[in-house]
Amino acid sequence: MKTAATPPLALAKCLVFCLSLLPACLLWWDFEHNLLGSEPIEAVQGNSGRWALHFLLLALCISPLRALTQLHWLQRLRRMLGLFAFFYACLHLLAFAGLNNDFSILSMLQDIRREPMILAGLLAFVLLIPLAATSSNYAVHRLGGRRWQELQRNIYPISILACLHFLGQTAVADWPLPLAYSVFLGLLLWWRIQERRRKAQAESAIATPAATTKPIQFYRQRPK
């Protein structure tokens, strides 16, 4: 079976890095030049949060894309996409705490009391911190491959919490967009469940002998 040629990995990572940083640069430019409308703080907060969710979903897309296209080098980009999800989540949190509430804990608590789904976003951010902190090769070596993979699977509940947060922060009239994100996440989770079942069945088939043969028995002939 012929496989696609692997592009220069350094060039691919550089391109992904520049494209991933572009939304933040455009957002900063629009904020500095008053191009975000009548409510720039809410625009910064909303855009940064959506881009955090975008990168979470993009990171989850890597495995199915690799399986469908056999482009195994895509796996090397997933860590960078996850780090950019954390980067935009940090911008989102800073916009909420700093620009919107002047780092006032009382003001933030009042916002949470009015909109409880903010807690879903905060919990998603807290769960995302260990994933970002253990994204280096050194962390993989110290934790071990299995423990590191188990920790990285937290991206699934993080993404669910992020979608719930997005839905809770959106007016009912604008629900089609967060619902579309939720449906897309549901498809990714469904693919992941099916893939794990397929791997489990394959491992079970390898562990179980294909057929059992009856051992040959020898009997002495009784004397007449």
Protein backbone atom coordinates (compact mmCIF):
# COMPACT_ATOMS: atom_id res chain seq x y z
CA MET A 1 0.00 0.00 0.00
CA LYS A 2 1.46 3.32 -1.05
CA THR A 3 1.64 5.98 1.68
CA ALA A 4 1.81 9.74 1.26
CA ALA A 5 5.18 11.37 1.53
CA THR A 6 6.02 12.95 4.87
CA PRO A 7 6.59 16.72 4.61
CA PRO A 8 9.50 18.34 6.45
CA LEU A 9 8.24 18.20 10.03
CA ALA A 10 9.98 21.41 11.08
CA LEU A 11 8.32 23.30 8.22
CA ALA A 12 4.90 21.83 9.04
CA LYS A 13 5.25 22.78 12.71
CA CYS A 14 6.38 26.30 11.80
CA LEU A 15 3.37 26.74 9.50
CA VAL A 16 0.93 25.43 12.11
CA PHE A 17 2.50 27.67 14.77
CA CYS A 18 2.15 30.80 12.65
CA LEU A 19 -1.43 30.01 11.64
CA SER A 20 -2.36 29.22 15.23
CA LEU A 21 -0.92 32.50 16.49
CA LEU A 22 -2.67 34.54 13.81
CA PRO A 23 -6.09 34.78 15.57
CA ALA A 24 -4.44 36.22 18.70
CA CYS A 25 -2.55 38.80 16.62
CA LEU A 26 -5.70 39.82 14.77
CA LEU A 27 -7.62 40.04 18.03
CA TRP A 28 -4.94 42.26 19.56
CA TRP A 29 -4.89 44.47 16.44
CA ASP A 30 -8.67 44.88 16.47
CA PHE A 31 -8.67 45.67 20.19
CA GLU A 32 -5.91 48.27 19.89
CA HIS A 33 -7.62 49.98 16.94
CA ASN A 34 -11.17 49.85 18.36
CA LEU A 35 -12.46 47.48 15.70
CA LEU A 36 -14.37 45.15 18.03
CA GLY A 37 -17.61 47.07 18.15
CA SER A 38 -19.38 48.70 21.05
CA GLU A 39 -18.39 45.98 23.57
CA PRO A 40 -14.71 45.19 22.90
CA ILE A 41 -14.12 43.40 26.21
CA GLU A 42 -16.92 40.93 25.57
CA ALA A 43 -15.61 40.47 22.03
CA VAL A 44 -12.12 39.64 23.32
CA GLN A 45 -13.56 37.26 25.89
CA GLY A 46 -15.84 35.52 23.41
CA ASN A 47 -13.31 35.22 20.58
CA SER A 48 -10.54 33.88 22.82
CA GLY A 49 -12.89 31.31 24.33
CA ARG A 50 -14.09 30.12 20.93
CA TRP A 51 -10.53 29.74 19.69
CA ALA A 52 -9.66 27.71 22.78
CA LEU A 53 -12.53 25.37 21.90
CA HIS A 54 -11.44 25.32 18.24
CA PHE A 55 -7.98 24.08 19.18
CA LEU A 56 -9.35 21.49 21.59
CA LEU A 57 -11.46 20.05 18.79
CA LEU A 58 -8.59 20.26 16.32
CA ALA A 59 -6.39 18.30 18.72
CA LEU A 60 -9.11 15.65 18.97
CA CYS A 61 -9.37 15.49 15.17
CA ILE A 62 -5.76 14.36 14.77
CA SER A 63 -6.31 10.68 15.60
CA PRO A 64 -9.27 10.10 13.24
CA LEU A 65 -7.55 12.09 10.48
CA ARG A 66 -4.42 10.00 10.89
CA ALA A 67 -6.46 6.80 10.76
CA LEU A 68 -8.39 7.89 7.66
CA THR A 69 -5.49 9.37 5.69
CA GLN A 70 -2.59 7.23 7.00
CA LEU A 71 -0.64 10.49 7.45
CA HIS A 72 1.06 9.43 10.66
CA TRP A 73 3.13 12.61 10.90
CA LEU A 74 -0.06 14.47 11.89
CA GLN A 75 0.36 12.94 15.35
CA ARG A 76 3.41 15.15 15.85
CA LEU A 77 1.22 18.27 15.59
CA ARG A 78 -1.33 17.32 18.25
CA ARG A 79 0.77 18.51 21.18
CA MET A 80 1.17 21.97 19.65
CA LEU A 81 -2.56 22.25 19.02
CA GLY A 82 -3.24 21.31 22.64
CA LEU A 83 -0.81 23.98 23.87
CA PHE A 84 -2.54 26.60 21.74
CA ALA A 85 -5.85 25.53 23.25
CA PHE A 86 -4.31 26.26 26.65
CA PHE A 87 -2.91 29.56 25.38
CA TYR A 88 -6.30 30.80 24.19
CA ALA A 89 -7.94 29.49 27.35
CA CYS A 90 -5.47 31.65 29.32
CA LEU A 91 -6.41 34.68 27.21
CA HIS A 92 -10.09 33.89 27.82
CA LEU A 93 -9.58 33.67 31.57
CA LEU A 94 -7.49 36.86 31.65
CA ALA A 95 -10.18 38.69 29.69
CA PHE A 96 -12.80 37.51 32.20
CA ALA A 97 -10.76 38.20 35.33
CA GLY A 98 -8.81 41.27 34.21
CA LEU A 99 -10.65 43.18 31.49
CA ASN A 100 -14.16 42.31 32.64
CA ASN A 101 -13.74 42.25 36.44
CA ASP A 102 -10.48 44.15 37.16
CA PHE A 103 -9.21 41.04 39.02
CA SER A 104 -11.86 41.59 41.68
CA ILE A 105 -12.77 38.26 43.31
CA LEU A 106 -16.08 39.67 44.54
CA SER A 107 -17.02 40.82 41.06
CA MET A 108 -16.10 37.43 39.60
CA LEU A 109 -18.16 35.62 42.23
CA GLN A 110 -21.12 37.80 41.36
CA ASP A 111 -20.74 36.89 37.69
CA ILE A 112 -20.59 33.20 38.61
CA ARG A 113 -23.71 33.58 40.72
CA ARG A 114 -25.57 35.11 37.78
CA GLU A 115 -24.18 32.61 35.27
CA PRO A 116 -23.33 29.29 36.98
CA MET A 117 -22.02 27.72 33.75
CA ILE A 118 -18.90 29.86 34.19
CA LEU A 119 -17.87 27.15 36.67
CA ALA A 120 -17.80 24.61 33.83
CA GLY A 121 -15.27 26.78 32.01
CA LEU A 122 -13.18 27.26 35.14
CA LEU A 123 -13.15 23.51 35.80
CA ALA A 124 -12.13 22.86 32.19
CA PHE A 125 -9.25 25.32 32.59
CA VAL A 126 -8.09 23.69 35.85
CA LEU A 127 -8.11 20.25 34.19
CA LEU A 128 -6.22 21.65 31.22
CA ILE A 129 -3.30 22.89 33.35
CA PRO A 130 -1.79 19.41 34.01
CA LEU A 131 -2.03 18.56 30.31
CA ALA A 132 -0.11 21.69 29.36
CA ALA A 133 2.40 21.21 32.18
CA THR A 134 3.21 17.65 31.02
CA SER A 135 3.44 18.38 27.30
CA SER A 136 7.23 18.13 27.13
CA ASN A 137 9.26 15.02 26.27
CA TYR A 138 10.81 15.23 29.74
CA ALA A 139 7.38 14.92 31.35
CA VAL A 140 6.55 11.94 29.15
CA HIS A 141 9.78 10.26 30.24
CA ARG A 142 9.18 10.95 33.94
CA LEU A 143 5.53 9.87 33.94
CA GLY A 144 5.95 6.93 31.64
CA GLY A 145 4.05 6.42 28.41
CA ARG A 146 0.98 4.71 29.93
CA ARG A 147 0.46 7.20 32.76
CA TRP A 148 1.03 10.11 30.38
CA GLN A 149 -1.58 8.78 27.95
CA GLU A 150 -4.09 8.29 30.77
CA LEU A 151 -3.55 11.90 31.85
CA GLN A 152 -3.94 13.18 28.29
CA ARG A 153 -7.32 11.46 28.00
CA ASN A 154 -8.67 14.22 30.23
CA ILE A 155 -8.99 16.24 27.04
CA TYR A 156 -12.35 14.51 26.52
CA PRO A 157 -14.07 15.73 29.73
CA ILE A 158 -12.33 19.08 29.22
CA SER A 159 -13.91 19.41 25.78
CA ILE A 160 -17.34 18.43 27.14
CA LEU A 161 -17.06 21.06 29.88
CA ALA A 162 -15.92 23.64 27.33
CA CYS A 163 -18.98 22.95 25.16
CA LEU A 164 -21.27 23.22 28.19
CA HIS A 165 -19.60 26.50 29.12
CA PHE A 166 -20.04 27.83 25.58
CA LEU A 167 -23.69 26.80 25.56
CA GLY A 168 -24.34 28.37 28.96
CA GLN A 169 -22.71 31.65 27.90
CA THR A 170 -24.74 31.93 24.70
CA ALA A 171 -28.18 33.43 24.29
CA VAL A 172 -30.93 30.98 23.32
CA ALA A 173 -31.29 32.62 19.92
CA ASP A 174 -27.63 31.85 19.18
CA TRP A 175 -27.69 28.24 20.39
CA PRO A 176 -27.25 26.65 16.91
CA LEU A 177 -23.51 27.42 16.94
CA PRO A 178 -22.63 25.87 20.35
CA LEU A 179 -24.96 22.97 19.57
CA ALA A 180 -23.06 22.38 16.32
CA TYR A 181 -19.80 22.27 18.30
CA SER A 182 -21.39 19.82 20.74
CA VAL A 183 -22.60 17.54 17.94
CA PHE A 184 -19.15 17.58 16.34
CA LEU A 185 -17.58 16.70 19.70
CA GLY A 186 -20.11 13.89 20.07
CA LEU A 187 -19.01 12.45 16.71
CA LEU A 188 -15.36 12.58 17.78
CA LEU A 189 -16.18 10.82 21.05
CA TRP A 190 -18.21 8.20 19.19
CA TRP A 191 -15.26 7.52 16.87
CA ARG A 192 -12.94 7.21 19.86
CA ILE A 193 -15.26 4.68 21.57
CA GLN A 194 -15.52 2.62 18.39
CA GLU A 195 -11.75 2.69 17.93
CA ARG A 196 -11.13 1.47 21.47
CA ARG A 197 -13.65 -1.35 20.98
CA ARG A 198 -11.94 -2.35 17.73
CA LYS A 199 -8.52 -2.43 19.41
CA ALA A 200 -9.90 -4.40 22.36
CA GLN A 201 -11.42 -6.99 20.00
CA ALA A 202 -8.17 -7.25 18.05
CA GLU A 203 -6.15 -7.79 21.24
CA SER A 204 -8.67 -10.38 22.44
CA ALA A 205 -8.43 -12.22 19.13
CA ILE A 206 -4.64 -12.33 19.40
CA ALA A 207 -4.74 -13.54 23.01
CA THR A 208 -7.30 -16.27 22.31
CA PRO A 209 -6.11 -19.28 20.24
CA ALA A 210 -7.85 -19.53 16.90
CA ALA A 211 -8.76 -23.14 17.44
CA THR A 212 -8.29 -25.76 20.08
CA THR A 213 -7.12 -29.23 19.14
CA LYS A 214 -7.77 -32.30 21.15
CA PRO A 215 -4.54 -33.79 22.48
CA ILE A 216 -3.53 -37.15 21.08
CA GLN A 217 -4.00 -39.94 23.57
CA PHE A 218 -2.19 -43.28 23.41
CA TYR A 219 -3.73 -46.42 24.91
CA ARG A 220 -2.04 -49.67 25.64
CA GLN A 221 -3.54 -52.62 24.01
CA ARG A 222 -4.89 -54.99 26.61
CA PRO A 223 -3.55 -58.51 26.32
CA LYS A 224 -6.06 -61.11 25.24
